[in-house]
Every structure is written in C-alpha cells, then in structure tokens.
C-alpha cells in the first residue's frame, strides 16, 4: 500500500508527460538527451519494442535495434524518464506475444516483424 503523498506525486509526474500508445512489436523513434560534460544534446534511438514491464511511474520498456556490423543493441528506458525528450511510433507491428526476446537469436529477414494493418 502506497502512501497517499507518494501516490499523488507519482500521478502528477505521469500527467506531465505525453506518451503515445505503443506495445511490443512497434517500431519507435526516441529522442534521448545525452550529457557530455557541460554540454547536452539529443540523440535519436530507433528500434523495435521487445518488452514492456511495470506500471505507473515505474514502467519501463526495452528497445532493440541492429547497430553497426549487425550487432544488436538493446536499451531499457523508464517510460516517464526526464531524459526522453521525444517519443514517436514509426510503425505498428503485428505480433502475438508480449515479450519478443526470441528476436535476439534471429538475424536478417527472419527478424522482421510484419506491419499491422487496420
């Protein structure tokens, strides 16, 4: 059971941030703020959401992209992080699972996710 002050603080934090609807299999483009000494810059990170976990202010999601030399790069982001400056869903994926960890073992065309048609 949470303290009511903590619960109200978390509700205020969630209300500030505008996050679009997304789920596992979607391709997202994130603008992540990077601090290098005194300077700050926004770097984009685009990849497939392979998992979502938690709820409320503690929610996180994992994004996987294929980097240079076909090396897979995964990053776990808190959903309501201050370092997330932009959040855009590029395309919707058609998957039947909530966690797509099987993509780690696939390469090339096998790792593609079909687009969801409406």
PDB file of N, CA and C in Angstrom:
ATOM      1  N   UNK A   1       0.841  -1.175   0.000  1.00  0.00           N
ATOM      2  CA  UNK A   1       0.000   0.000   0.000  1.00  0.00           C
ATOM      3  C   UNK A   1       0.893   1.247   0.000  1.00  0.00           C
ATOM      4  N   UNK A   2       0.642   2.129  -0.953  1.00  0.00           N
ATOM      5  CA  UNK A   2       1.464   3.328  -1.076  1.00  0.00           C
ATOM      6  C   UNK A   2       0.932   4.453  -0.203  1.00  0.00           C
ATOM      7  N   UNK A   3       1.847   5.256   0.221  1.00  0.00           N
ATOM      8  CA  UNK A   3       1.499   6.474   0.940  1.00  0.00           C
ATOM      9  C   UNK A   3       0.733   7.401  -0.002  1.00  0.00           C
ATOM     10  N   UNK A   4      -0.271   8.073   0.475  1.00  0.00           N
ATOM     11  CA  UNK A   4      -1.086   8.915  -0.408  1.00  0.00           C
ATOM     12  C   UNK A   4      -0.300  10.091  -0.970  1.00  0.00           C
ATOM     13  N   UNK A   5       0.690  10.576  -0.240  1.00  0.00           N
ATOM     14  CA  UNK A   5       1.518  11.670  -0.754  1.00  0.00           C
ATOM     15  C   UNK A   5       2.386  11.195  -1.922  1.00  0.00           C
ATOM     16  N   UNK A   6       2.927  10.001  -1.785  1.00  0.00           N
ATOM     17  CA  UNK A   6       3.734   9.428  -2.863  1.00  0.00           C
ATOM     18  C   UNK A   6       2.849   9.161  -4.081  1.00  0.00           C
ATOM     19  N   UNK A   7       1.667   8.633  -3.844  1.00  0.00           N
ATOM     20  CA  UNK A   7       0.744   8.344  -4.947  1.00  0.00           C
ATOM     21  C   UNK A   7       0.342   9.624  -5.686  1.00  0.00           C
ATOM     22  N   UNK A   8       0.092  10.708  -4.960  1.00  0.00           N
ATOM     23  CA  UNK A   8      -0.284  11.965  -5.617  1.00  0.00           C
ATOM     24  C   UNK A   8       0.896  12.557  -6.386  1.00  0.00           C
ATOM     25  N   UNK A   9       2.109  12.422  -5.841  1.00  0.00           N
ATOM     26  CA  UNK A   9       3.305  12.899  -6.533  1.00  0.00           C
ATOM     27  C   UNK A   9       3.516  12.125  -7.843  1.00  0.00           C
ATOM     28  N   UNK A  10       3.355  10.801  -7.792  1.00  0.00           N
ATOM     29  CA  UNK A  10       3.519   9.982  -8.987  1.00  0.00           C
ATOM     30  C   UNK A  10       2.455  10.313 -10.030  1.00  0.00           C
ATOM     31  N   UNK A  11       1.236  10.566  -9.587  1.00  0.00           N
ATOM     32  CA  UNK A  11       0.162  10.929 -10.521  1.00  0.00           C
ATOM     33  C   UNK A  11       0.481  12.248 -11.222  1.00  0.00           C
ATOM     34  N   UNK A  12       1.073  13.193 -10.499  1.00  0.00           N
ATOM     35  CA  UNK A  12       1.459  14.471 -11.097  1.00  0.00           C
ATOM     36  C   UNK A  12       2.581  14.282 -12.117  1.00  0.00           C
ATOM     37  N   UNK A  13       3.529  13.386 -11.833  1.00  0.00           N
ATOM     38  CA  UNK A  13       4.632  13.115 -12.754  1.00  0.00           C
ATOM     39  C   UNK A  13       4.116  12.487 -14.051  1.00  0.00           C
ATOM     40  N   UNK A  14       3.166  11.574 -13.918  1.00  0.00           N
ATOM     41  CA  UNK A  14       2.617  10.896 -15.085  1.00  0.00           C
ATOM     42  C   UNK A  14       1.808  11.870 -15.940  1.00  0.00           C
ATOM     43  N   UNK A  15       1.080  12.784 -15.299  1.00  0.00           N
ATOM     44  CA  UNK A  15       0.226  13.722 -16.030  1.00  0.00           C
ATOM     45  C   UNK A  15       1.046  14.688 -16.891  1.00  0.00           C
ATOM     46  N   UNK A  16       2.266  15.003 -16.469  1.00  0.00           N
ATOM     47  CA  UNK A  16       3.110  15.948 -17.205  1.00  0.00           C
ATOM     48  C   UNK A  16       3.528  15.417 -18.575  1.00  0.00           C
ATOM     49  N   UNK A  17       3.834  14.133 -18.664  1.00  0.00           N
ATOM     50  CA  UNK A  17       4.427  13.545 -19.867  1.00  0.00           C
ATOM     51  C   UNK A  17       3.344  13.007 -20.803  1.00  0.00           C
ATOM     52  N   UNK A  18       3.488  13.283 -22.094  1.00  0.00           N
ATOM     53  CA  UNK A  18       2.554  12.793 -23.103  1.00  0.00           C
ATOM     54  C   UNK A  18       3.210  11.631 -23.846  1.00  0.00           C
ATOM     55  N   UNK A  19       2.736  10.413 -23.582  1.00  0.00           N
ATOM     56  CA  UNK A  19       3.299   9.211 -24.189  1.00  0.00           C
ATOM     57  C   UNK A  19       2.236   8.584 -25.100  1.00  0.00           C
ATOM     58  N   UNK A  20       2.559   8.323 -26.380  1.00  0.00           N
ATOM     59  CA  UNK A  20       1.569   7.683 -27.261  1.00  0.00           C
ATOM     60  C   UNK A  20       1.372   6.210 -26.896  1.00  0.00           C
ATOM     61  N   UNK A  21       0.271   5.643 -27.360  1.00  0.00           N
ATOM     62  CA  UNK A  21       0.002   4.215 -27.138  1.00  0.00           C
ATOM     63  C   UNK A  21       0.983   3.397 -27.976  1.00  0.00           C
ATOM     64  N   UNK A  22       1.615   2.420 -27.355  1.00  0.00           N
ATOM     65  CA  UNK A  22       2.503   1.520 -28.073  1.00  0.00           C
ATOM     66  C   UNK A  22       2.551   0.198 -27.333  1.00  0.00           C
ATOM     67  N   UNK A  23       3.022  -0.835 -28.034  1.00  0.00           N
ATOM     68  CA  UNK A  23       3.130  -2.157 -27.432  1.00  0.00           C
ATOM     69  C   UNK A  23       4.305  -2.894 -28.054  1.00  0.00           C
ATOM     70  N   UNK A  24       4.538  -4.104 -27.624  1.00  0.00           N
ATOM     71  CA  UNK A  24       5.639  -4.901 -28.158  1.00  0.00           C
ATOM     72  C   UNK A  24       5.429  -5.128 -29.648  1.00  0.00           C
ATOM     73  N   UNK A  25       6.497  -5.023 -30.417  1.00  0.00           N
ATOM     74  CA  UNK A  25       6.426  -5.192 -31.865  1.00  0.00           C
ATOM     75  C   UNK A  25       6.404  -3.881 -32.615  1.00  0.00           C
ATOM     76  N   UNK A  26       6.103  -2.783 -31.938  1.00  0.00           N
ATOM     77  CA  UNK A  26       6.072  -1.482 -32.588  1.00  0.00           C
ATOM     78  C   UNK A  26       7.490  -0.948 -32.764  1.00  0.00           C
ATOM     79  N   UNK A  27       7.710  -0.230 -33.849  1.00  0.00           N
ATOM     80  CA  UNK A  27       8.988   0.444 -34.068  1.00  0.00           C
ATOM     81  C   UNK A  27       8.845   1.883 -33.589  1.00  0.00           C
ATOM     82  N   UNK A  28       9.740   2.299 -32.712  1.00  0.00           N
ATOM     83  CA  UNK A  28       9.653   3.642 -32.130  1.00  0.00           C
ATOM     84  C   UNK A  28      10.933   4.418 -32.401  1.00  0.00           C
ATOM     85  N   UNK A  29      10.785   5.731 -32.451  1.00  0.00           N
ATOM     86  CA  UNK A  29      11.926   6.634 -32.582  1.00  0.00           C
ATOM     87  C   UNK A  29      11.948   7.518 -31.341  1.00  0.00           C
ATOM     88  N   UNK A  30      13.027   7.437 -30.579  1.00  0.00           N
ATOM     89  CA  UNK A  30      13.142   8.160 -29.322  1.00  0.00           C
ATOM     90  C   UNK A  30      14.216   9.230 -29.430  1.00  0.00           C
ATOM     91  N   UNK A  31      13.965  10.370 -28.839  1.00  0.00           N
ATOM     92  CA  UNK A  31      14.988  11.393 -28.709  1.00  0.00           C
ATOM     93  C   UNK A  31      15.499  11.356 -27.288  1.00  0.00           C
ATOM     94  N   UNK A  32      16.740  10.918 -27.103  1.00  0.00           N
ATOM     95  CA  UNK A  32      17.318  10.726 -25.779  1.00  0.00           C
ATOM     96  C   UNK A  32      18.347  11.815 -25.523  1.00  0.00           C
ATOM     97  N   UNK A  33      18.214  12.472 -24.376  1.00  0.00           N
ATOM     98  CA  UNK A  33      19.162  13.533 -24.026  1.00  0.00           C
ATOM     99  C   UNK A  33      20.443  12.911 -23.472  1.00  0.00           C
ATOM    100  N   UNK A  34      21.576  13.307 -24.050  1.00  0.00           N
ATOM    101  CA  UNK A  34      22.887  12.802 -23.654  1.00  0.00           C
ATOM    102  C   UNK A  34      23.676  13.964 -23.058  1.00  0.00           C
ATOM    103  N   UNK A  35      24.279  13.736 -21.888  1.00  0.00           N
ATOM    104  CA  UNK A  35      25.120  14.757 -21.261  1.00  0.00           C
ATOM    105  C   UNK A  35      26.578  14.371 -21.470  1.00  0.00           C
ATOM    106  N   UNK A  36      27.324  15.307 -22.011  1.00  0.00           N
ATOM    107  CA  UNK A  36      28.757  15.113 -22.201  1.00  0.00           C
ATOM    108  C   UNK A  36      29.470  16.279 -21.535  1.00  0.00           C
ATOM    109  N   UNK A  37      29.872  16.084 -20.303  1.00  0.00           N
ATOM    110  CA  UNK A  37      30.489  17.168 -19.546  1.00  0.00           C
ATOM    111  C   UNK A  37      29.474  18.247 -19.254  1.00  0.00           C
ATOM    112  N   UNK A  38      29.707  19.441 -19.783  1.00  0.00           N
ATOM    113  CA  UNK A  38      28.790  20.562 -19.584  1.00  0.00           C
ATOM    114  C   UNK A  38      27.720  20.638 -20.669  1.00  0.00           C
ATOM    115  N   UNK A  39      27.973  19.969 -21.784  1.00  0.00           N
ATOM    116  CA  UNK A  39      27.061  20.067 -22.928  1.00  0.00           C
ATOM    117  C   UNK A  39      25.972  19.002 -22.867  1.00  0.00           C
ATOM    118  N   UNK A  40      24.830  19.333 -23.483  1.00  0.00           N
ATOM    119  CA  UNK A  40      23.733  18.387 -23.621  1.00  0.00           C
ATOM    120  C   UNK A  40      23.328  18.348 -25.094  1.00  0.00           C
ATOM    121  N   UNK A  41      22.942  17.161 -25.552  1.00  0.00           N
ATOM    122  CA  UNK A  41      22.449  17.034 -26.916  1.00  0.00           C
ATOM    123  C   UNK A  41      21.391  15.943 -26.946  1.00  0.00           C
ATOM    124  N   UNK A  42      20.588  15.939 -28.000  1.00  0.00           N
ATOM    125  CA  UNK A  42      19.537  14.934 -28.166  1.00  0.00           C
ATOM    126  C   UNK A  42      19.956  13.986 -29.279  1.00  0.00           C
ATOM    127  N   UNK A  43      19.989  12.700 -28.953  1.00  0.00           N
ATOM    128  CA  UNK A  43      20.377  11.670 -29.912  1.00  0.00           C
ATOM    129  C   UNK A  43      19.173  10.762 -30.155  1.00  0.00           C
ATOM    130  N   UNK A  44      18.930  10.405 -31.415  1.00  0.00           N
ATOM    131  CA  UNK A  44      17.791   9.549 -31.712  1.00  0.00           C
ATOM    132  C   UNK A  44      18.186   8.087 -31.581  1.00  0.00           C
ATOM    133  N   UNK A  45      17.239   7.292 -31.122  1.00  0.00           N
ATOM    134  CA  UNK A  45      17.416   5.850 -30.973  1.00  0.00           C
ATOM    135  C   UNK A  45      16.161   5.210 -31.538  1.00  0.00           C
ATOM    136  N   UNK A  46      16.288   4.501 -32.647  1.00  0.00           N
ATOM    137  CA  UNK A  46      15.135   3.906 -33.306  1.00  0.00           C
ATOM    138  C   UNK A  46      15.282   2.400 -33.312  1.00  0.00           C
ATOM    139  N   UNK A  47      14.230   1.710 -32.872  1.00  0.00           N
ATOM    140  CA  UNK A  47      14.264   0.260 -32.849  1.00  0.00           C
ATOM    141  C   UNK A  47      12.904  -0.322 -32.518  1.00  0.00           C
ATOM    142  N   UNK A  48      12.879  -1.636 -32.351  1.00  0.00           N
ATOM    143  CA  UNK A  48      11.647  -2.375 -32.083  1.00  0.00           C
ATOM    144  C   UNK A  48      11.487  -2.545 -30.577  1.00  0.00           C
ATOM    145  N   UNK A  49      10.288  -2.288 -30.089  1.00  0.00           N
ATOM    146  CA  UNK A  49       9.986  -2.521 -28.681  1.00  0.00           C
ATOM    147  C   UNK A  49       9.843  -4.024 -28.505  1.00  0.00           C
ATOM    148  N   UNK A  50      10.695  -4.623 -27.657  1.00  0.00           N
ATOM    149  CA  UNK A  50      10.602  -6.065 -27.461  1.00  0.00           C
ATOM    150  C   UNK A  50       9.931  -6.415 -26.143  1.00  0.00           C
ATOM    151  N   UNK A  51       9.776  -5.455 -25.228  1.00  0.00           N
ATOM    152  CA  UNK A  51       9.128  -5.763 -23.956  1.00  0.00           C
ATOM    153  C   UNK A  51       8.683  -4.489 -23.262  1.00  0.00           C
ATOM    154  N   UNK A  52       7.598  -4.623 -22.502  1.00  0.00           N
ATOM    155  CA  UNK A  52       7.148  -3.580 -21.583  1.00  0.00           C
ATOM    156  C   UNK A  52       6.966  -4.235 -20.228  1.00  0.00           C
ATOM    157  N   UNK A  53       7.296  -3.518 -19.178  1.00  0.00           N
ATOM    158  CA  UNK A  53       7.104  -4.089 -17.852  1.00  0.00           C
ATOM    159  C   UNK A  53       6.810  -2.986 -16.850  1.00  0.00           C
ATOM    160  N   UNK A  54       6.204  -3.366 -15.757  1.00  0.00           N
ATOM    161  CA  UNK A  54       5.873  -2.425 -14.697  1.00  0.00           C
ATOM    162  C   UNK A  54       4.627  -1.629 -15.024  1.00  0.00           C
ATOM    163  N   UNK A  55       4.207  -0.826 -14.065  1.00  0.00           N
ATOM    164  CA  UNK A  55       3.057   0.041 -14.279  1.00  0.00           C
ATOM    165  C   UNK A  55       3.248   1.331 -13.488  1.00  0.00           C
ATOM    166  N   UNK A  56       2.485   2.333 -13.858  1.00  0.00           N
ATOM    167  CA  UNK A  56       2.603   3.625 -13.192  1.00  0.00           C
ATOM    168  C   UNK A  56       3.927   4.291 -13.510  1.00  0.00           C
ATOM    169  N   UNK A  57       4.480   4.935 -12.516  1.00  0.00           N
ATOM    170  CA  UNK A  57       5.733   5.678 -12.683  1.00  0.00           C
ATOM    171  C   UNK A  57       6.932   4.737 -12.869  1.00  0.00           C
ATOM    172  N   UNK A  58       6.788   3.476 -12.451  1.00  0.00           N
ATOM    173  CA  UNK A  58       7.886   2.507 -12.522  1.00  0.00           C
ATOM    174  C   UNK A  58       7.935   1.757 -13.849  1.00  0.00           C
ATOM    175  N   UNK A  59       7.090   2.102 -14.811  1.00  0.00           N
ATOM    176  CA  UNK A  59       7.016   1.368 -16.068  1.00  0.00           C
ATOM    177  C   UNK A  59       8.295   1.558 -16.885  1.00  0.00           C
ATOM    178  N   UNK A  60       8.745   0.474 -17.518  1.00  0.00           N
ATOM    179  CA  UNK A  60       9.912   0.513 -18.390  1.00  0.00           C
ATOM    180  C   UNK A  60       9.586  -0.220 -19.683  1.00  0.00           C
ATOM    181  N   UNK A  61      10.395   0.022 -20.699  1.00  0.00           N
ATOM    182  CA  UNK A  61      10.270  -0.703 -21.953  1.00  0.00           C
ATOM    183  C   UNK A  61      11.658  -0.902 -22.539  1.00  0.00           C
ATOM    184  N   UNK A  62      11.803  -2.000 -23.281  1.00  0.00           N
ATOM    185  CA  UNK A  62      13.086  -2.365 -23.871  1.00  0.00           C
ATOM    186  C   UNK A  62      13.001  -2.191 -25.379  1.00  0.00           C
ATOM    187  N   UNK A  63      13.993  -1.489 -25.941  1.00  0.00           N
ATOM    188  CA  UNK A  63      14.042  -1.242 -27.381  1.00  0.00           C
ATOM    189  C   UNK A  63      15.310  -1.890 -27.932  1.00  0.00           C
ATOM    190  N   UNK A  64      15.151  -2.600 -29.048  1.00  0.00           N
ATOM    191  CA  UNK A  64      16.280  -3.279 -29.682  1.00  0.00           C
ATOM    192  C   UNK A  64      16.457  -2.759 -31.097  1.00  0.00           C
ATOM    193  N   UNK A  65      17.689  -2.446 -31.443  1.00  0.00           N
ATOM    194  CA  UNK A  65      17.999  -2.055 -32.816  1.00  0.00           C
ATOM    195  C   UNK A  65      19.241  -2.796 -33.258  1.00  0.00           C
ATOM    196  N   UNK A  66      19.409  -2.898 -34.559  1.00  0.00           N
ATOM    197  CA  UNK A  66      20.603  -3.523 -35.109  1.00  0.00           C
ATOM    198  C   UNK A  66      21.580  -2.413 -35.450  1.00  0.00           C
ATOM    199  N   UNK A  67      22.724  -2.418 -34.794  1.00  0.00           N
ATOM    200  CA  UNK A  67      23.721  -1.373 -34.981  1.00  0.00           C
ATOM    201  C   UNK A  67      24.708  -1.729 -36.071  1.00  0.00           C
ATOM    202  N   UNK A  68      25.870  -1.117 -36.008  1.00  0.00           N
ATOM    203  CA  UNK A  68      26.919  -1.334 -37.000  1.00  0.00           C
ATOM    204  C   UNK A  68      27.418  -2.779 -36.925  1.00  0.00           C
ATOM    205  N   UNK A  69      27.799  -3.325 -38.060  1.00  0.00           N
ATOM    206  CA  UNK A  69      28.316  -4.694 -38.173  1.00  0.00           C
ATOM    207  C   UNK A  69      27.318  -5.736 -37.686  1.00  0.00           C
ATOM    208  N   UNK A  70      26.024  -5.444 -37.828  1.00  0.00           N
ATOM    209  CA  UNK A  70      24.944  -6.372 -37.448  1.00  0.00           C
ATOM    210  C   UNK A  70      25.001  -6.783 -35.988  1.00  0.00           C
ATOM    211  N   UNK A  71      25.354  -5.853 -35.135  1.00  0.00           N
ATOM    212  CA  UNK A  71      25.391  -6.101 -33.698  1.00  0.00           C
ATOM    213  C   UNK A  71      24.098  -5.565 -33.097  1.00  0.00           C
ATOM    214  N   UNK A  72      23.400  -6.383 -32.334  1.00  0.00           N
ATOM    215  CA  UNK A  72      22.160  -5.957 -31.703  1.00  0.00           C
ATOM    216  C   UNK A  72      22.441  -5.094 -30.486  1.00  0.00           C
ATOM    217  N   UNK A  73      21.715  -3.983 -30.376  1.00  0.00           N
ATOM    218  CA  UNK A  73      21.863  -3.068 -29.241  1.00  0.00           C
ATOM    219  C   UNK A  73      20.500  -2.954 -28.564  1.00  0.00           C
ATOM    220  N   UNK A  74      20.454  -3.227 -27.267  1.00  0.00           N
ATOM    221  CA  UNK A  74      19.217  -3.104 -26.511  1.00  0.00           C
ATOM    222  C   UNK A  74      19.396  -2.067 -25.421  1.00  0.00           C
ATOM    223  N   UNK A  75      18.359  -1.268 -25.245  1.00  0.00           N
ATOM    224  CA  UNK A  75      18.360  -0.292 -24.156  1.00  0.00           C
ATOM    225  C   UNK A  75      17.033  -0.367 -23.430  1.00  0.00           C
ATOM    226  N   UNK A  76      17.096  -0.241 -22.128  1.00  0.00           N
ATOM    227  CA  UNK A  76      15.901  -0.233 -21.299  1.00  0.00           C
ATOM    228  C   UNK A  76      15.665   1.207 -20.860  1.00  0.00           C
ATOM    229  N   UNK A  77      14.472   1.715 -21.159  1.00  0.00           N
ATOM    230  CA  UNK A  77      14.128   3.096 -20.831  1.00  0.00           C
ATOM    231  C   UNK A  77      13.005   3.134 -19.808  1.00  0.00           C
ATOM    232  N   UNK A  78      13.126   3.972 -18.791  1.00  0.00           N
ATOM    233  CA  UNK A  78      11.955   4.240 -17.954  1.00  0.00           C
ATOM    234  C   UNK A  78      10.962   5.061 -18.776  1.00  0.00           C
ATOM    235  N   UNK A  79       9.697   4.723 -18.704  1.00  0.00           N
ATOM    236  CA  UNK A  79       8.689   5.352 -19.549  1.00  0.00           C
ATOM    237  C   UNK A  79       8.551   6.841 -19.262  1.00  0.00           C
ATOM    238  N   UNK A  80       8.656   7.232 -18.009  1.00  0.00           N
ATOM    239  CA  UNK A  80       8.472   8.633 -17.632  1.00  0.00           C
ATOM    240  C   UNK A  80       9.800   9.289 -17.258  1.00  0.00           C
ATOM    241  N   UNK A  81      10.859   8.936 -17.983  1.00  0.00           N
ATOM    242  CA  UNK A  81      12.185   9.476 -17.719  1.00  0.00           C
ATOM    243  C   UNK A  81      12.299  10.926 -18.188  1.00  0.00           C
ATOM    244  N   UNK A  82      13.096  11.703 -17.491  1.00  0.00           N
ATOM    245  CA  UNK A  82      13.374  13.084 -17.888  1.00  0.00           C
ATOM    246  C   UNK A  82      14.277  13.135 -19.113  1.00  0.00           C
ATOM    247  N   UNK A  83      15.044  12.077 -19.348  1.00  0.00           N
ATOM    248  CA  UNK A  83      15.976  12.087 -20.481  1.00  0.00           C
ATOM    249  C   UNK A  83      15.287  11.791 -21.813  1.00  0.00           C
ATOM    250  N   UNK A  84      14.042  11.310 -21.788  1.00  0.00           N
ATOM    251  CA  UNK A  84      13.297  11.098 -23.030  1.00  0.00           C
ATOM    252  C   UNK A  84      12.679  12.419 -23.465  1.00  0.00           C
ATOM    253  N   UNK A  85      13.191  12.987 -24.533  1.00  0.00           N
ATOM    254  CA  UNK A  85      12.707  14.283 -24.996  1.00  0.00           C
ATOM    255  C   UNK A  85      11.619  14.148 -26.053  1.00  0.00           C
ATOM    256  N   UNK A  86      11.698  13.129 -26.905  1.00  0.00           N
ATOM    257  CA  UNK A  86      10.649  12.917 -27.904  1.00  0.00           C
ATOM    258  C   UNK A  86      10.358  11.428 -28.013  1.00  0.00           C
ATOM    259  N   UNK A  87       9.128  11.138 -28.399  1.00  0.00           N
ATOM    260  CA  UNK A  87       8.675   9.746 -28.489  1.00  0.00           C
ATOM    261  C   UNK A  87       7.727   9.653 -29.669  1.00  0.00           C
ATOM    262  N   UNK A  88       8.087   8.843 -30.664  1.00  0.00           N
ATOM    263  CA  UNK A  88       7.269   8.730 -31.868  1.00  0.00           C
ATOM    264  C   UNK A  88       7.150   7.264 -32.263  1.00  0.00           C
ATOM    265  N   UNK A  89       5.935   6.817 -32.537  1.00  0.00           N
ATOM    266  CA  UNK A  89       5.716   5.463 -33.034  1.00  0.00           C
ATOM    267  C   UNK A  89       5.809   5.521 -34.556  1.00  0.00           C
ATOM    268  N   UNK A  90       6.798   4.856 -35.127  1.00  0.00           N
ATOM    269  CA  UNK A  90       7.048   4.892 -36.565  1.00  0.00           C
ATOM    270  C   UNK A  90       6.115   3.935 -37.285  1.00  0.00           C
ATOM    271  N   UNK A  91       6.005   2.709 -36.771  1.00  0.00           N
ATOM    272  CA  UNK A  91       5.096   1.731 -37.374  1.00  0.00           C
ATOM    273  C   UNK A  91       4.625   0.734 -36.334  1.00  0.00           C
ATOM    274  N   UNK A  92       3.451   0.187 -36.578  1.00  0.00           N
ATOM    275  CA  UNK A  92       2.850  -0.800 -35.677  1.00  0.00           C
ATOM    276  C   UNK A  92       3.227  -2.190 -36.159  1.00  0.00           C
ATOM    277  N   UNK A  93       3.572  -3.054 -35.222  1.00  0.00           N
ATOM    278  CA  UNK A  93       3.941  -4.412 -35.575  1.00  0.00           C
ATOM    279  C   UNK A  93       2.845  -5.399 -35.223  1.00  0.00           C
ATOM    280  N   UNK A  94       2.731  -6.452 -36.030  1.00  0.00           N
ATOM    281  CA  UNK A  94       1.737  -7.492 -35.784  1.00  0.00           C
ATOM    282  C   UNK A  94       2.438  -8.675 -35.133  1.00  0.00           C
ATOM    283  N   UNK A  95       2.287  -8.809 -33.823  1.00  0.00           N
ATOM    284  CA  UNK A  95       2.906  -9.899 -33.071  1.00  0.00           C
ATOM    285  C   UNK A  95       1.862 -10.540 -32.176  1.00  0.00           C
ATOM    286  N   UNK A  96       2.165 -11.743 -31.711  1.00  0.00           N
ATOM    287  CA  UNK A  96       1.220 -12.479 -30.884  1.00  0.00           C
ATOM    288  C   UNK A  96       1.731 -12.688 -29.468  1.00  0.00           C
ATOM    289  N   UNK A  97       2.831 -12.054 -29.134  1.00  0.00           N
ATOM    290  CA  UNK A  97       3.406 -12.210 -27.805  1.00  0.00           C
ATOM    291  C   UNK A  97       3.659 -10.851 -27.171  1.00  0.00           C
ATOM    292  N   UNK A  98       3.744 -10.843 -25.864  1.00  0.00           N
ATOM    293  CA  UNK A  98       4.001  -9.607 -25.146  1.00  0.00           C
ATOM    294  C   UNK A  98       5.496  -9.348 -24.989  1.00  0.00           C
ATOM    295  N   UNK A  99       6.291 -10.394 -24.979  1.00  0.00           N
ATOM    296  CA  UNK A  99       7.744 -10.265 -24.869  1.00  0.00           C
ATOM    297  C   UNK A  99       8.374 -10.917 -26.090  1.00  0.00           C
ATOM    298  N   UNK A 100       9.186 -10.165 -26.797  1.00  0.00           N
ATOM    299  CA  UNK A 100       9.769 -10.632 -28.059  1.00  0.00           C
ATOM    300  C   UNK A 100      11.250 -10.946 -27.914  1.00  0.00           C
ATOM    301  N   UNK A 101      11.627 -11.618 -26.839  1.00  0.00           N
ATOM    302  CA  UNK A 101      13.043 -11.922 -26.610  1.00  0.00           C
ATOM    303  C   UNK A 101      13.595 -12.912 -27.626  1.00  0.00           C
ATOM    304  N   UNK A 102      12.727 -13.620 -28.350  1.00  0.00           N
ATOM    305  CA  UNK A 102      13.196 -14.553 -29.369  1.00  0.00           C
ATOM    306  C   UNK A 102      13.885 -13.825 -30.522  1.00  0.00           C
ATOM    307  N   UNK A 103      13.669 -12.520 -30.664  1.00  0.00           N
ATOM    308  CA  UNK A 103      14.328 -11.757 -31.734  1.00  0.00           C
ATOM    309  C   UNK A 103      15.840 -11.701 -31.539  1.00  0.00           C
ATOM    310  N   UNK A 104      16.310 -11.934 -30.324  1.00  0.00           N
ATOM    311  CA  UNK A 104      17.745 -11.879 -30.063  1.00  0.00           C
ATOM    312  C   UNK A 104      18.507 -12.936 -30.853  1.00  0.00           C
ATOM    313  N   UNK A 105      17.880 -14.055 -31.103  1.00  0.00           N
ATOM    314  CA  UNK A 105      18.548 -15.141 -31.812  1.00  0.00           C
ATOM    315  C   UNK A 105      18.367 -15.106 -33.316  1.00  0.00           C
ATOM    316  N   UNK A 106      17.584 -14.157 -33.826  1.00  0.00           N
ATOM    317  CA  UNK A 106      17.293 -14.100 -35.256  1.00  0.00           C
ATOM    318  C   UNK A 106      18.072 -12.981 -35.927  1.00  0.00           C
ATOM    319  N   UNK A 107      18.421 -13.198 -37.198  1.00  0.00           N
ATOM    320  CA  UNK A 107      19.117 -12.164 -37.965  1.00  0.00           C
ATOM    321  C   UNK A 107      18.480 -12.049 -39.336  1.00  0.00           C
ATOM    322  N   UNK A 108      18.693 -10.943 -39.986  1.00  0.00           N
ATOM    323  CA  UNK A 108      18.234 -10.754 -41.355  1.00  0.00           C
ATOM    324  C   UNK A 108      16.730 -10.682 -41.470  1.00  0.00           C
ATOM    325  N   UNK A 109      16.197 -11.322 -42.524  1.00  0.00           N
ATOM    326  CA  UNK A 109      14.759 -11.264 -42.789  1.00  0.00           C
ATOM    327  C   UNK A 109      13.935 -11.984 -41.734  1.00  0.00           C
ATOM    328  N   UNK A 110      14.514 -12.951 -41.072  1.00  0.00           N
ATOM    329  CA  UNK A 110      13.788 -13.683 -40.038  1.00  0.00           C
ATOM    330  C   UNK A 110      13.417 -12.783 -38.867  1.00  0.00           C
ATOM    331  N   UNK A 111      14.199 -11.741 -38.655  1.00  0.00           N
ATOM    332  CA  UNK A 111      13.974 -10.851 -37.522  1.00  0.00           C
ATOM    333  C   UNK A 111      12.967  -9.748 -37.845  1.00  0.00           C
ATOM    334  N   UNK A 112      12.438  -9.731 -39.068  1.00  0.00           N
ATOM    335  CA  UNK A 112      11.460  -8.695 -39.437  1.00  0.00           C
ATOM    336  C   UNK A 112      10.117  -8.985 -38.804  1.00  0.00           C
ATOM    337  N   UNK A 113       9.413  -7.923 -38.495  1.00  0.00           N
ATOM    338  CA  UNK A 113       8.069  -8.031 -37.928  1.00  0.00           C
ATOM    339  C   UNK A 113       7.087  -7.464 -38.946  1.00  0.00           C
ATOM    340  N   UNK A 114       6.010  -8.204 -39.206  1.00  0.00           N
ATOM    341  CA  UNK A 114       5.012  -7.731 -40.158  1.00  0.00           C
ATOM    342  C   UNK A 114       4.308  -6.512 -39.606  1.00  0.00           C
ATOM    343  N   UNK A 115       3.883  -5.654 -40.538  1.00  0.00           N
ATOM    344  CA  UNK A 115       3.176  -4.432 -40.126  1.00  0.00           C
ATOM    345  C   UNK A 115       1.714  -4.731 -39.879  1.00  0.00           C
ATOM    346  N   UNK A 116       1.163  -4.106 -38.873  1.00  0.00           N
ATOM    347  CA  UNK A 116      -0.229  -4.281 -38.514  1.00  0.00           C
ATOM    348  C   UNK A 116      -1.094  -3.466 -39.460  1.00  0.00           C
ATOM    349  N   UNK A 117      -2.068  -4.110 -40.087  1.00  0.00           N
ATOM    350  CA  UNK A 117      -2.987  -3.415 -40.984  1.00  0.00           C
ATOM    351  C   UNK A 117      -4.289  -3.196 -40.270  1.00  0.00           C
ATOM    352  N   UNK A 118      -4.893  -2.042 -40.525  1.00  0.00           N
ATOM    353  CA  UNK A 118      -6.171  -1.748 -39.886  1.00  0.00           C
ATOM    354  C   UNK A 118      -7.254  -1.607 -40.906  1.00  0.00           C
TER     355      UNK A 118
END
